[in-house]
Amino acid sequence: EGEDKVVCGRARIVERLAWDARIARLFAADCAERVL
């Protein structure tokens, strides 16, 4: 276990989450607005 990640010897991906350019843009706008 690292500070911001974990490491293992075997893994798999199972489901793609709802993350795309539009959601990334909205999330960035939310974060930027907090320091505006």
Full PDB file with SEQRES, HELIX, SHEET, SSBOND, CRYST1, ORIGX, SCALE, CONECT and MASTER records, all heavy atoms in Angstrom:
SEQRES   1 A   36  GLU GLY GLU ASP LYS VAL VAL CYS GLY ARG ALA ARG ILE          
SEQRES   2 A   36  VAL GLU ARG LEU ALA TRP ASP ALA ARG ILE ALA ARG LEU          
SEQRES   3 A   36  PHE ALA ALA ASP CYS ALA GLU ARG VAL LEU                      
HELIX    1 AA1 ALA A   21  VAL A   35  1                                  15    
CRYST1    1.000    1.000    1.000  90.00  90.00  90.00 P 1           1          
ORIGX1      1.000000  0.000000  0.000000        0.00000                         
ORIGX2      0.000000  1.000000  0.000000        0.00000                         
ORIGX3      0.000000  0.000000  1.000000        0.00000                         
SCALE1      1.000000  0.000000  0.000000        0.00000                         
SCALE2      0.000000  1.000000  0.000000        0.00000                         
SCALE3      0.000000  0.000000  1.000000        0.00000                         
ATOM      1  N   GLU A   1       0.855  -1.190   0.000  1.00  0.00           N  
ATOM      2  CA  GLU A   1       0.000   0.000   0.000  1.00  0.00           C  
ATOM      3  C   GLU A   1       0.882   1.227   0.000  1.00  0.00           C  
ATOM      4  O   GLU A   1       1.699   1.410   0.901  1.00  0.00           O  
ATOM      5  CB  GLU A   1      -0.909   0.011   1.227  1.00  0.00           C  
ATOM      6  CG  GLU A   1      -1.998  -1.030   1.140  1.00  0.00           C  
ATOM      7  CD  GLU A   1      -3.157  -0.730   2.078  1.00  0.00           C  
ATOM      8  OE1 GLU A   1      -3.475   0.457   2.271  1.00  0.00           O  
ATOM      9  OE2 GLU A   1      -3.730  -1.692   2.586  1.00  0.00           O  
ATOM     10  N   GLY A   2       0.724   2.054  -1.027  1.00  0.00           N  
ATOM     11  CA  GLY A   2       1.445   3.312  -1.090  1.00  0.00           C  
ATOM     12  C   GLY A   2       0.558   4.436  -0.605  1.00  0.00           C  
ATOM     13  O   GLY A   2      -0.609   4.225  -0.268  1.00  0.00           O  
ATOM     14  N   GLU A   3       1.106   5.628  -0.579  1.00  0.00           N  
ATOM     15  CA  GLU A   3       0.346   6.795  -0.121  1.00  0.00           C  
ATOM     16  C   GLU A   3      -0.853   7.071  -1.011  1.00  0.00           C  
ATOM     17  O   GLU A   3      -1.905   7.470  -0.542  1.00  0.00           O  
ATOM     18  CB  GLU A   3       1.263   8.014  -0.086  1.00  0.00           C  
ATOM     19  CG  GLU A   3       0.608   9.249   0.464  1.00  0.00           C  
ATOM     20  CD  GLU A   3       1.569  10.416   0.540  1.00  0.00           C  
ATOM     21  OE1 GLU A   3       2.731  10.222   0.932  1.00  0.00           O  
ATOM     22  OE2 GLU A   3       1.138  11.536   0.206  1.00  0.00           O  
ATOM     23  N   ASP A   4      -0.704   6.858  -2.327  1.00  0.00           N  
ATOM     24  CA  ASP A   4      -1.788   7.171  -3.256  1.00  0.00           C  
ATOM     25  C   ASP A   4      -2.068   6.047  -4.251  1.00  0.00           C  
ATOM     26  O   ASP A   4      -2.580   6.279  -5.339  1.00  0.00           O  
ATOM     27  CB  ASP A   4      -1.504   8.479  -3.994  1.00  0.00           C  
ATOM     28  CG  ASP A   4      -0.264   8.397  -4.867  1.00  0.00           C  
ATOM     29  OD1 ASP A   4       0.481   7.397  -4.787  1.00  0.00           O  
ATOM     30  OD2 ASP A   4      -0.034   9.345  -5.640  1.00  0.00           O  
ATOM     31  N   LYS A   5      -1.725   4.824  -3.887  1.00  0.00           N  
ATOM     32  CA  LYS A   5      -1.967   3.681  -4.762  1.00  0.00           C  
ATOM     33  C   LYS A   5      -1.717   2.392  -3.994  1.00  0.00           C  
ATOM     34  O   LYS A   5      -1.163   2.414  -2.903  1.00  0.00           O  
ATOM     35  CB  LYS A   5      -1.072   3.729  -5.995  1.00  0.00           C  
ATOM     36  CG  LYS A   5       0.405   3.572  -5.675  1.00  0.00           C  
ATOM     37  CD  LYS A   5       1.300   3.658  -6.887  1.00  0.00           C  
ATOM     38  CE  LYS A   5       1.491   4.979  -7.458  1.00  0.00           C  
ATOM     39  NZ  LYS A   5       2.087   6.044  -6.762  1.00  0.00           N  
ATOM     40  N   VAL A   6      -2.125   1.284  -4.596  1.00  0.00           N  
ATOM     41  CA  VAL A   6      -1.792  -0.043  -4.082  1.00  0.00           C  
ATOM     42  C   VAL A   6      -1.147  -0.825  -5.220  1.00  0.00           C  
ATOM     43  O   VAL A   6      -1.346  -0.508  -6.395  1.00  0.00           O  
ATOM     44  CB  VAL A   6      -3.031  -0.803  -3.546  1.00  0.00           C  
ATOM     45  CG1 VAL A   6      -3.641  -0.071  -2.371  1.00  0.00           C  
ATOM     46  CG2 VAL A   6      -4.056  -1.038  -4.637  1.00  0.00           C  
ATOM     47  N   VAL A   7      -0.378  -1.837  -4.859  1.00  0.00           N  
ATOM     48  CA  VAL A   7       0.269  -2.675  -5.848  1.00  0.00           C  
ATOM     49  C   VAL A   7      -0.039  -4.126  -5.518  1.00  0.00           C  
ATOM     50  O   VAL A   7       0.031  -4.530  -4.359  1.00  0.00           O  
ATOM     51  CB  VAL A   7       1.798  -2.458  -5.862  1.00  0.00           C  
ATOM     52  CG1 VAL A   7       2.443  -3.283  -6.965  1.00  0.00           C  
ATOM     53  CG2 VAL A   7       2.129  -1.004  -6.038  1.00  0.00           C  
ATOM     54  N   CYS A   8      -0.396  -4.867  -6.550  1.00  0.00           N  
ATOM     55  CA  CYS A   8      -0.685  -6.290  -6.363  1.00  0.00           C  
ATOM     56  C   CYS A   8      -0.074  -7.075  -7.513  1.00  0.00           C  
ATOM     57  O   CYS A   8       0.385  -6.498  -8.496  1.00  0.00           O  
ATOM     58  CB  CYS A   8      -2.186  -6.518  -6.274  1.00  0.00           C  
ATOM     59  SG  CYS A   8      -3.071  -6.086  -7.774  1.00  0.00           S  
ATOM     60  N   GLY A   9      -0.104  -8.385  -7.389  1.00  0.00           N  
ATOM     61  CA  GLY A   9       0.487  -9.245  -8.398  1.00  0.00           C  
ATOM     62  C   GLY A   9      -0.479  -9.726  -9.467  1.00  0.00           C  
ATOM     63  O   GLY A   9      -0.073 -10.236 -10.503  1.00  0.00           O  
ATOM     64  N   ARG A  10      -1.781  -9.544  -9.220  1.00  0.00           N  
ATOM     65  CA  ARG A  10      -2.773  -9.998 -10.203  1.00  0.00           C  
ATOM     66  C   ARG A  10      -4.016  -9.125 -10.118  1.00  0.00           C  
ATOM     67  O   ARG A  10      -4.529  -8.875  -9.035  1.00  0.00           O  
ATOM     68  CB  ARG A  10      -3.146 -11.451  -9.941  1.00  0.00           C  
ATOM     69  CG  ARG A  10      -3.890 -12.087 -11.077  1.00  0.00           C  
ATOM     70  CD  ARG A  10      -3.566 -13.565 -11.192  1.00  0.00           C  
ATOM     71  NE  ARG A  10      -4.157 -14.090 -12.394  1.00  0.00           N  
ATOM     72  CZ  ARG A  10      -5.111 -15.013 -12.416  1.00  0.00           C  
ATOM     73  NH1 ARG A  10      -5.549 -15.538 -11.301  1.00  0.00           N  
ATOM     74  NH2 ARG A  10      -5.593 -15.440 -13.559  1.00  0.00           N  
ATOM     75  N   ALA A  11      -4.504  -8.678 -11.273  1.00  0.00           N  
ATOM     76  CA  ALA A  11      -5.665  -7.787 -11.302  1.00  0.00           C  
ATOM     77  C   ALA A  11      -6.376  -7.909 -12.643  1.00  0.00           C  
ATOM     78  O   ALA A  11      -5.831  -8.461 -13.606  1.00  0.00           O  
ATOM     79  CB  ALA A  11      -5.225  -6.343 -11.073  1.00  0.00           C  
ATOM     80  N   ARG A  12      -7.580  -7.374 -12.671  1.00  0.00           N  
ATOM     81  CA  ARG A  12      -8.321  -7.276 -13.930  1.00  0.00           C  
ATOM     82  C   ARG A  12      -9.234  -6.065 -13.855  1.00  0.00           C  
ATOM     83  O   ARG A  12      -9.623  -5.624 -12.767  1.00  0.00           O  
ATOM     84  CB  ARG A  12      -9.128  -8.538 -14.220  1.00  0.00           C  
ATOM     85  CG  ARG A  12     -10.286  -8.774 -13.279  1.00  0.00           C  
ATOM     86  CD  ARG A  12     -11.034 -10.022 -13.670  1.00  0.00           C  
ATOM     87  NE  ARG A  12     -12.087 -10.340 -12.701  1.00  0.00           N  
ATOM     88  CZ  ARG A  12     -12.912 -11.340 -12.829  1.00  0.00           C  
ATOM     89  NH1 ARG A  12     -12.840 -12.141 -13.887  1.00  0.00           N  
ATOM     90  NH2 ARG A  12     -13.830 -11.575 -11.919  1.00  0.00           N  
ATOM     91  N   ILE A  13      -9.561  -5.534 -15.029  1.00  0.00           N  
ATOM     92  CA  ILE A  13     -10.542  -4.451 -15.104  1.00  0.00           C  
ATOM     93  C   ILE A  13     -11.891  -5.077 -15.412  1.00  0.00           C  
ATOM     94  O   ILE A  13     -11.974  -6.036 -16.177  1.00  0.00           O  
ATOM     95  CB  ILE A  13     -10.149  -3.364 -16.134  1.00  0.00           C  
ATOM     96  CG1 ILE A  13      -9.970  -3.949 -17.544  1.00  0.00           C  
ATOM     97  CG2 ILE A  13      -8.884  -2.640 -15.670  1.00  0.00           C  
ATOM     98  CD1 ILE A  13      -9.774  -2.915 -18.638  1.00  0.00           C  
ATOM     99  N   VAL A  14     -12.947  -4.536 -14.796  1.00  0.00           N  
ATOM    100  CA  VAL A  14     -14.252  -5.188 -14.949  1.00  0.00           C  
ATOM    101  C   VAL A  14     -15.360  -4.282 -15.477  1.00  0.00           C  
ATOM    102  O   VAL A  14     -16.302  -4.767 -16.094  1.00  0.00           O  
ATOM    103  CB  VAL A  14     -14.704  -5.834 -13.613  1.00  0.00           C  
ATOM    104  CG1 VAL A  14     -13.794  -7.001 -13.257  1.00  0.00           C  
ATOM    105  CG2 VAL A  14     -14.749  -4.823 -12.487  1.00  0.00           C  
ATOM    106  N   GLU A  15     -15.279  -2.990 -15.239  1.00  0.00           N  
ATOM    107  CA  GLU A  15     -16.358  -2.105 -15.690  1.00  0.00           C  
ATOM    108  C   GLU A  15     -15.806  -0.704 -15.941  1.00  0.00           C  
ATOM    109  O   GLU A  15     -15.178  -0.115 -15.066  1.00  0.00           O  
ATOM    110  CB  GLU A  15     -17.446  -2.024 -14.614  1.00  0.00           C  
ATOM    111  CG  GLU A  15     -18.566  -1.075 -14.950  1.00  0.00           C  
ATOM    112  CD  GLU A  15     -19.558  -0.893 -13.798  1.00  0.00           C  
ATOM    113  OE1 GLU A  15     -19.324  -1.428 -12.693  1.00  0.00           O  
ATOM    114  OE2 GLU A  15     -20.544  -0.182 -14.012  1.00  0.00           O  
ATOM    115  N   ARG A  16     -16.089  -0.194 -17.138  1.00  0.00           N  
ATOM    116  CA  ARG A  16     -15.676   1.183 -17.434  1.00  0.00           C  
ATOM    117  C   ARG A  16     -16.667   2.135 -16.781  1.00  0.00           C  
ATOM    118  O   ARG A  16     -17.884   1.972 -16.906  1.00  0.00           O  
ATOM    119  CB  ARG A  16     -15.628   1.421 -18.937  1.00  0.00           C  
ATOM    120  CG  ARG A  16     -15.101   2.807 -19.232  1.00  0.00           C  
ATOM    121  CD  ARG A  16     -14.718   2.995 -20.633  1.00  0.00           C  
ATOM    122  NE  ARG A  16     -14.309   4.392 -20.810  1.00  0.00           N  
ATOM    123  CZ  ARG A  16     -13.783   4.841 -21.903  1.00  0.00           C  
ATOM    124  NH1 ARG A  16     -13.566   4.029 -22.912  1.00  0.00           N  
ATOM    125  NH2 ARG A  16     -13.445   6.110 -21.994  1.00  0.00           N  
ATOM    126  N   LEU A  17     -16.135   3.127 -16.088  1.00  0.00           N  
ATOM    127  CA  LEU A  17     -16.987   4.094 -15.399  1.00  0.00           C  
ATOM    128  C   LEU A  17     -17.352   5.254 -16.314  1.00  0.00           C  
ATOM    129  O   LEU A  17     -16.713   5.491 -17.336  1.00  0.00           O  
ATOM    130  CB  LEU A  17     -16.283   4.604 -14.147  1.00  0.00           C  
ATOM    131  CG  LEU A  17     -15.864   3.523 -13.142  1.00  0.00           C  
ATOM    132  CD1 LEU A  17     -15.214   4.146 -11.929  1.00  0.00           C  
ATOM    133  CD2 LEU A  17     -17.050   2.669 -12.731  1.00  0.00           C  
ATOM    134  N   ALA A  18     -18.373   5.979 -15.924  1.00  0.00           N  
ATOM    135  CA  ALA A  18     -18.893   7.109 -16.708  1.00  0.00           C  
ATOM    136  C   ALA A  18     -17.932   8.287 -16.611  1.00  0.00           C  
ATOM    137  O   ALA A  18     -18.144   9.224 -15.844  1.00  0.00           O  
ATOM    138  CB  ALA A  18     -20.278   7.501 -16.203  1.00  0.00           C  
ATOM    139  N   TRP A  19     -16.859   8.233 -17.371  1.00  0.00           N  
ATOM    140  CA  TRP A  19     -15.864   9.305 -17.392  1.00  0.00           C  
ATOM    141  C   TRP A  19     -15.518   9.570 -18.839  1.00  0.00           C  
ATOM    142  O   TRP A  19     -15.089   8.675 -19.566  1.00  0.00           O  
ATOM    143  CB  TRP A  19     -14.614   8.876 -16.620  1.00  0.00           C  
ATOM    144  CG  TRP A  19     -13.504   9.878 -16.617  1.00  0.00           C  
ATOM    145  CD1 TRP A  19     -12.352   9.816 -17.353  1.00  0.00           C  
ATOM    146  CD2 TRP A  19     -13.412  11.063 -15.838  1.00  0.00           C  
ATOM    147  NE1 TRP A  19     -11.564  10.903 -17.079  1.00  0.00           N  
ATOM    148  CE2 TRP A  19     -12.187  11.680 -16.148  1.00  0.00           C  
ATOM    149  CE3 TRP A  19     -14.253  11.667 -14.906  1.00  0.00           C  
ATOM    150  CZ2 TRP A  19     -11.780  12.868 -15.548  1.00  0.00           C  
ATOM    151  CZ3 TRP A  19     -13.847  12.853 -14.314  1.00  0.00           C  
ATOM    152  CH2 TRP A  19     -12.626  13.442 -14.634  1.00  0.00           C  
ATOM    153  N   ASP A  20     -15.757  10.791 -19.283  1.00  0.00           N  
ATOM    154  CA  ASP A  20     -15.444  11.170 -20.655  1.00  0.00           C  
ATOM    155  C   ASP A  20     -15.039  12.640 -20.652  1.00  0.00           C  
ATOM    156  O   ASP A  20     -14.936  13.261 -19.596  1.00  0.00           O  
ATOM    157  CB  ASP A  20     -16.628  10.893 -21.584  1.00  0.00           C  
ATOM    158  CG  ASP A  20     -17.913  11.615 -21.160  1.00  0.00           C  
ATOM    159  OD1 ASP A  20     -17.848  12.633 -20.421  1.00  0.00           O  
ATOM    160  OD2 ASP A  20     -19.001  11.168 -21.559  1.00  0.00           O  
ATOM    161  N   ALA A  21     -14.808  13.184 -21.819  1.00  0.00           N  
ATOM    162  CA  ALA A  21     -14.337  14.567 -21.918  1.00  0.00           C  
ATOM    163  C   ALA A  21     -15.333  15.557 -21.306  1.00  0.00           C  
ATOM    164  O   ALA A  21     -14.937  16.522 -20.654  1.00  0.00           O  
ATOM    165  CB  ALA A  21     -14.062  14.922 -23.377  1.00  0.00           C  
ATOM    166  N   ARG A  22     -16.626  15.311 -21.490  1.00  0.00           N  
ATOM    167  CA  ARG A  22     -17.630  16.218 -20.936  1.00  0.00           C  
ATOM    168  C   ARG A  22     -17.607  16.188 -19.408  1.00  0.00           C  
ATOM    169  O   ARG A  22     -17.589  17.233 -18.757  1.00  0.00           O  
ATOM    170  CB  ARG A  22     -19.030  15.836 -21.436  1.00  0.00           C  
ATOM    171  CG  ARG A  22     -20.147  16.763 -20.914  1.00  0.00           C  
ATOM    172  CD  ARG A  22     -21.531  16.240 -21.296  1.00  0.00           C  
ATOM    173  NE  ARG A  22     -21.870  15.005 -20.612  1.00  0.00           N  
ATOM    174  CZ  ARG A  22     -22.340  14.948 -19.356  1.00  0.00           C  
ATOM    175  NH1 ARG A  22     -22.542  16.045 -18.667  1.00  0.00           N  
ATOM    176  NH2 ARG A  22     -22.636  13.785 -18.811  1.00  0.00           N  
ATOM    177  N   ILE A  23     -17.568  15.010 -18.825  1.00  0.00           N  
ATOM    178  CA  ILE A  23     -17.556  14.903 -17.365  1.00  0.00           C  
ATOM    179  C   ILE A  23     -16.244  15.456 -16.812  1.00  0.00           C  
ATOM    180  O   ILE A  23     -16.239  16.146 -15.788  1.00  0.00           O  
ATOM    181  CB  ILE A  23     -17.800  13.445 -16.928  1.00  0.00           C  
ATOM    182  CG1 ILE A  23     -19.239  13.053 -17.285  1.00  0.00           C  
ATOM    183  CG2 ILE A  23     -17.542  13.259 -15.438  1.00  0.00           C  
ATOM    184  CD1 ILE A  23     -19.560  11.590 -17.087  1.00  0.00           C  
ATOM    185  N   ALA A  24     -15.133  15.192 -17.490  1.00  0.00           N  
ATOM    186  CA  ALA A  24     -13.847  15.740 -17.053  1.00  0.00           C  
ATOM    187  C   ALA A  24     -13.893  17.269 -17.064  1.00  0.00           C  
ATOM    188  O   ALA A  24     -13.387  17.925 -16.144  1.00  0.00           O  
ATOM    189  CB  ALA A  24     -12.721  15.233 -17.947  1.00  0.00           C  
ATOM    190  N   ARG A  25     -14.517  17.838 -18.096  1.00  0.00           N  
ATOM    191  CA  ARG A  25     -14.639  19.297 -18.202  1.00  0.00           C  
ATOM    192  C   ARG A  25     -15.490  19.860 -17.073  1.00  0.00           C  
ATOM    193  O   ARG A  25     -15.136  20.857 -16.446  1.00  0.00           O  
ATOM    194  CB  ARG A  25     -15.255  19.623 -19.574  1.00  0.00           C  
ATOM    195  CG  ARG A  25     -15.057  21.020 -20.037  1.00  0.00           C  
ATOM    196  CD  ARG A  25     -15.575  21.245 -21.447  1.00  0.00           C  
ATOM    197  NE  ARG A  25     -16.998  20.991 -21.545  1.00  0.00           N  
ATOM    198  CZ  ARG A  25     -17.547  20.012 -22.269  1.00  0.00           C  
ATOM    199  NH1 ARG A  25     -16.816  19.193 -22.977  1.00  0.00           N  
ATOM    200  NH2 ARG A  25     -18.860  19.865 -22.291  1.00  0.00           N  
ATOM    201  N   LEU A  26     -16.598  19.192 -16.756  1.00  0.00           N  
ATOM    202  CA  LEU A  26     -17.470  19.658 -15.674  1.00  0.00           C  
ATOM    203  C   LEU A  26     -16.768  19.545 -14.317  1.00  0.00           C  
ATOM    204  O   LEU A  26     -16.860  20.444 -13.475  1.00  0.00           O  
ATOM    205  CB  LEU A  26     -18.780  18.874 -15.664  1.00  0.00           C  
ATOM    206  CG  LEU A  26     -19.687  19.098 -16.867  1.00  0.00           C  
ATOM    207  CD1 LEU A  26     -20.862  18.124 -16.846  1.00  0.00           C  
ATOM    208  CD2 LEU A  26     -20.159  20.537 -16.929  1.00  0.00           C  
ATOM    209  N   PHE A  27     -16.066  18.450 -14.111  1.00  0.00           N  
ATOM    210  CA  PHE A  27     -15.331  18.265 -12.864  1.00  0.00           C  
ATOM    211  C   PHE A  27     -14.242  19.330 -12.717  1.00  0.00           C  
ATOM    212  O   PHE A  27     -14.081  19.933 -11.650  1.00  0.00           O  
ATOM    213  CB  PHE A  27     -14.730  16.856 -12.809  1.00  0.00           C  
ATOM    214  CG  PHE A  27     -13.893  16.608 -11.595  1.00  0.00           C  
ATOM    215  CD1 PHE A  27     -14.468  16.581 -10.325  1.00  0.00           C  
ATOM    216  CD2 PHE A  27     -12.534  16.395 -11.704  1.00  0.00           C  
ATOM    217  CE1 PHE A  27     -13.702  16.348  -9.193  1.00  0.00           C  
ATOM    218  CE2 PHE A  27     -11.763  16.161 -10.582  1.00  0.00           C  
ATOM    219  CZ  PHE A  27     -12.344  16.136  -9.328  1.00  0.00           C  
ATOM    220  N   ALA A  28     -13.500  19.604 -13.791  1.00  0.00           N  
ATOM    221  CA  ALA A  28     -12.472  20.645 -13.754  1.00  0.00           C  
ATOM    222  C   ALA A  28     -13.094  22.010 -13.462  1.00  0.00           C  
ATOM    223  O   ALA A  28     -12.538  22.805 -12.687  1.00  0.00           O  
ATOM    224  CB  ALA A  28     -11.711  20.685 -15.079  1.00  0.00           C  
ATOM    225  N   ALA A  29     -14.243  22.287 -14.052  1.00  0.00           N  
ATOM    226  CA  ALA A  29     -14.925  23.563 -13.798  1.00  0.00           C  
ATOM    227  C   ALA A  29     -15.337  23.666 -12.332  1.00  0.00           C  
ATOM    228  O   ALA A  29     -15.187  24.726 -11.715  1.00  0.00           O  
ATOM    229  CB  ALA A  29     -16.140  23.704 -14.715  1.00  0.00           C  
ATOM    230  N   ASP A  30     -15.838  22.586 -11.762  1.00  0.00           N  
ATOM    231  CA  ASP A  30     -16.213  22.593 -10.341  1.00  0.00           C  
ATOM    232  C   ASP A  30     -15.002  22.885  -9.459  1.00  0.00           C  
ATOM    233  O   ASP A  30     -15.076  23.696  -8.527  1.00  0.00           O  
ATOM    234  CB  ASP A  30     -16.801  21.236  -9.923  1.00  0.00           C  
ATOM    235  CG  ASP A  30     -18.152  20.952 -10.555  1.00  0.00           C  
ATOM    236  OD1 ASP A  30     -18.756  21.870 -11.150  1.00  0.00           O  
ATOM    237  OD2 ASP A  30     -18.600  19.790 -10.447  1.00  0.00           O  
ATOM    238  N   CYS A  31     -13.885  22.230  -9.750  1.00  0.00           N  
ATOM    239  CA  CYS A  31     -12.678  22.427  -8.947  1.00  0.00           C  
ATOM    240  C   CYS A  31     -12.131  23.849  -9.100  1.00  0.00           C  
ATOM    241  O   CYS A  31     -11.744  24.482  -8.122  1.00  0.00           O  
ATOM    242  CB  CYS A  31     -11.610  21.406  -9.330  1.00  0.00           C  
ATOM    243  SG  CYS A  31     -12.048  19.716  -8.873  1.00  0.00           S  
ATOM    244  N   ALA A  32     -12.120  24.347 -10.336  1.00  0.00           N  
ATOM    245  CA  ALA A  32     -11.627  25.702 -10.574  1.00  0.00           C  
ATOM    246  C   ALA A  32     -12.510  26.740  -9.898  1.00  0.00           C  
ATOM    247  O   ALA A  32     -12.027  27.730  -9.345  1.00  0.00           O  
ATOM    248  CB  ALA A  32     -11.539  25.976 -12.069  1.00  0.00           C  
ATOM    249  N   GLU A  33     -13.811  26.498  -9.923  1.00  0.00           N  
ATOM    250  CA  GLU A  33     -14.736  27.452  -9.315  1.00  0.00           C  
ATOM    251  C   GLU A  33     -14.510  27.584  -7.808  1.00  0.00           C  
ATOM    252  O   GLU A  33     -14.703  28.643  -7.236  1.00  0.00           O  
ATOM    253  CB  GLU A  33     -16.170  27.029  -9.606  1.00  0.00           C  
ATOM    254  CG  GLU A  33     -17.190  28.105  -9.287  1.00  0.00           C  
ATOM    255  CD  GLU A  33     -18.534  27.761  -9.867  1.00  0.00           C  
ATOM    256  OE1 GLU A  33     -19.037  26.652  -9.596  1.00  0.00           O  
ATOM    257  OE2 GLU A  33     -19.075  28.610 -10.598  1.00  0.00           O  
ATOM    258  N   ARG A  34     -14.034  26.507  -7.174  1.00  0.00           N  
ATOM    259  CA  ARG A  34     -13.776  26.551  -5.727  1.00  0.00           C  
ATOM    260  C   ARG A  34     -12.646  27.510  -5.364  1.00  0.00           C  
ATOM    261  O   ARG A  34     -12.594  27.996  -4.243  1.00  0.00           O  
ATOM    262  CB  ARG A  34     -13.465  25.157  -5.198  1.00  0.00           C  
ATOM    263  CG  ARG A  34     -14.728  24.334  -5.071  1.00  0.00           C  
ATOM    264  CD  ARG A  34     -14.479  22.971  -4.512  1.00  0.00           C  
ATOM    265  NE  ARG A  34     -13.819  22.889  -3.234  1.00  0.00           N  
ATOM    266  CZ  ARG A  34     -14.411  22.958  -2.038  1.00  0.00           C  
ATOM    267  NH1 ARG A  34     -15.706  23.156  -1.967  1.00  0.00           N  
ATOM    268  NH2 ARG A  34     -13.720  22.822  -0.927  1.00  0.00           N  
ATOM    269  N   VAL A  35     -11.713  27.748  -6.284  1.00  0.00           N  
ATOM    270  CA  VAL A  35     -10.608  28.671  -5.995  1.00  0.00           C  
ATOM    271  C   VAL A  35     -10.750  29.986  -6.749  1.00  0.00           C  
ATOM    272  O   VAL A  35      -9.892  30.855  -6.645  1.00  0.00           O  
ATOM    273  CB  VAL A  35      -9.232  28.031  -6.303  1.00  0.00           C  
ATOM    274  CG1 VAL A  35      -8.988  26.841  -5.411  1.00  0.00           C  
ATOM    275  CG2 VAL A  35      -9.115  27.669  -7.776  1.00  0.00           C  
ATOM    276  N   LEU A  36     -11.825  30.135  -7.477  1.00  0.00           N  
ATOM    277  CA  LEU A  36     -12.014  31.340  -8.281  1.00  0.00           C  
ATOM    278  C   LEU A  36     -12.007  32.606  -7.441  1.00  0.00           C  
ATOM    279  O   LEU A  36     -11.446  33.625  -7.840  1.00  0.00           O  
ATOM    280  CB  LEU A  36     -13.310  31.231  -9.091  1.00  0.00           C  
ATOM    281  CG  LEU A  36     -13.537  32.297 -10.142  1.00  0.00           C  
ATOM    282  CD1 LEU A  36     -12.391  32.328 -11.142  1.00  0.00           C  
ATOM    283  CD2 LEU A  36     -14.849  32.035 -10.858  1.00  0.00           C  
TER     284      LEU A  36                                                      
MASTER        0    0    0    1    0    0    0    6  283    1    0    3          
END                                                                             
